Amino acid sequence: MQHHERIDGSGYPHQLRGEEIMMKARIIAVSDLVETMLTDHPYRKACTLDECLEELESNKSILYDAWVVDITLRLIREENYFLKNI
């Protein structure tokens, strides 16, 4: 449930903030965002990888854990790490 919480306390269901959110949930929140933004849905088309990474950067330390965002950006940009659809 905590993967819907946000670093600034704006998430749900308990409006947890920062370190109150388990690290596992902070990691899942970022991975869920990436997967959701890069996937077509009935209510919206997938965005580009650049748009997704821009969303992460602009909300780093606000909605998403800074360390998790930095690692994610490094893996994708510098290590060319990316999961392909199976």
Protein backbone atom coordinates (compact mmCIF):
# COMPACT_ATOMS: atom_id res chain seq x y z
CA MET A 1 0.00 0.00 0.00
CA GLN A 2 2.82 2.42 0.76
CA HIS A 3 3.88 2.72 -2.89
CA HIS A 4 1.06 5.26 -3.26
CA GLU A 5 2.55 7.45 -0.53
CA ARG A 6 4.69 10.42 -1.64
CA ILE A 7 7.80 11.93 -0.06
CA ASP A 8 6.02 15.25 0.59
CA GLY A 9 3.07 13.54 2.32
CA SER A 10 0.63 14.07 -0.56
CA GLY A 11 0.08 10.36 -1.22
CA TYR A 12 -2.44 7.92 0.18
CA PRO A 13 -3.79 6.16 2.19
CA HIS A 14 -2.00 7.56 5.28
CA GLN A 15 -0.16 10.66 3.95
CA LEU A 16 3.18 9.26 5.11
CA ARG A 17 6.22 11.35 4.27
CA GLY A 18 9.93 10.81 3.74
CA GLU A 19 11.50 8.14 5.93
CA GLU A 20 8.07 7.04 7.19
CA ILE A 21 7.70 5.27 3.83
CA MET A 22 9.50 1.92 3.59
CA MET A 23 12.41 1.92 1.13
CA LYS A 24 10.82 -0.99 -0.76
CA ALA A 25 7.71 1.14 -1.31
CA ARG A 26 9.79 4.13 -2.47
CA ILE A 27 11.49 1.89 -5.05
CA ILE A 28 8.18 0.41 -6.20
CA ALA A 29 6.67 3.92 -6.52
CA VAL A 30 9.36 4.93 -9.02
CA SER A 31 9.27 1.66 -10.95
CA ASP A 32 5.46 1.82 -11.08
CA LEU A 33 5.62 5.36 -12.45
CA VAL A 34 8.10 4.36 -15.17
CA GLU A 35 6.08 1.31 -16.20
CA THR A 36 2.78 3.22 -16.17
CA MET A 37 4.06 6.20 -18.15
CA LEU A 38 5.69 4.01 -20.81
CA THR A 39 2.64 1.80 -21.35
CA ASP A 40 -0.43 2.54 -23.46
CA HIS A 41 -3.67 2.61 -21.48
CA PRO A 42 -7.29 2.94 -22.63
CA TYR A 43 -7.40 6.41 -21.07
CA ARG A 44 -4.06 7.68 -22.45
CA LYS A 45 -1.19 6.80 -24.76
CA ALA A 46 2.27 6.02 -23.49
CA CYS A 47 4.69 8.91 -23.25
CA THR A 48 8.28 8.92 -24.44
CA LEU A 49 11.18 7.80 -22.29
CA ASP A 50 12.45 11.40 -22.20
CA GLU A 51 9.08 12.63 -20.91
CA CYS A 52 9.09 9.93 -18.27
CA LEU A 53 12.59 10.79 -17.08
CA GLU A 54 11.69 14.49 -17.05
CA GLU A 55 8.74 13.66 -14.76
CA LEU A 56 11.07 11.81 -12.42
CA GLU A 57 13.59 14.65 -12.36
CA SER A 58 11.02 17.38 -11.82
CA ASN A 59 9.45 15.54 -8.87
CA LYS A 60 12.65 14.23 -7.30
CA SER A 61 12.60 14.89 -3.53
CA ILE A 62 9.01 16.14 -3.86
CA LEU A 63 7.00 13.06 -4.79
CA TYR A 64 9.76 10.49 -5.25
CA ASP A 65 12.79 9.54 -3.18
CA ALA A 66 15.87 11.39 -4.48
CA TRP A 67 18.21 8.40 -4.11
CA VAL A 68 15.81 6.08 -5.97
CA VAL A 69 15.33 8.63 -8.76
CA ASP A 70 19.09 9.20 -9.09
CA ILE A 71 19.77 5.44 -9.32
CA THR A 72 16.95 4.98 -11.84
CA LEU A 73 18.20 7.83 -14.03
CA ARG A 74 21.77 6.51 -13.88
CA LEU A 75 20.70 2.98 -14.77
CA ILE A 76 18.68 4.15 -17.76
CA ARG A 77 20.94 6.96 -19.04
CA GLU A 78 24.43 5.71 -18.24
CA GLU A 79 24.06 1.94 -18.04
CA ASN A 80 21.44 1.72 -20.83
CA TYR A 81 19.35 -0.45 -18.54
CA PHE A 82 15.85 -0.90 -19.81
CA LEU A 83 13.27 -3.68 -19.61
CA LYS A 84 11.66 -4.57 -22.89
CA ASN A 85 8.09 -5.77 -23.19
CA ILE A 86 7.91 -9.54 -23.19
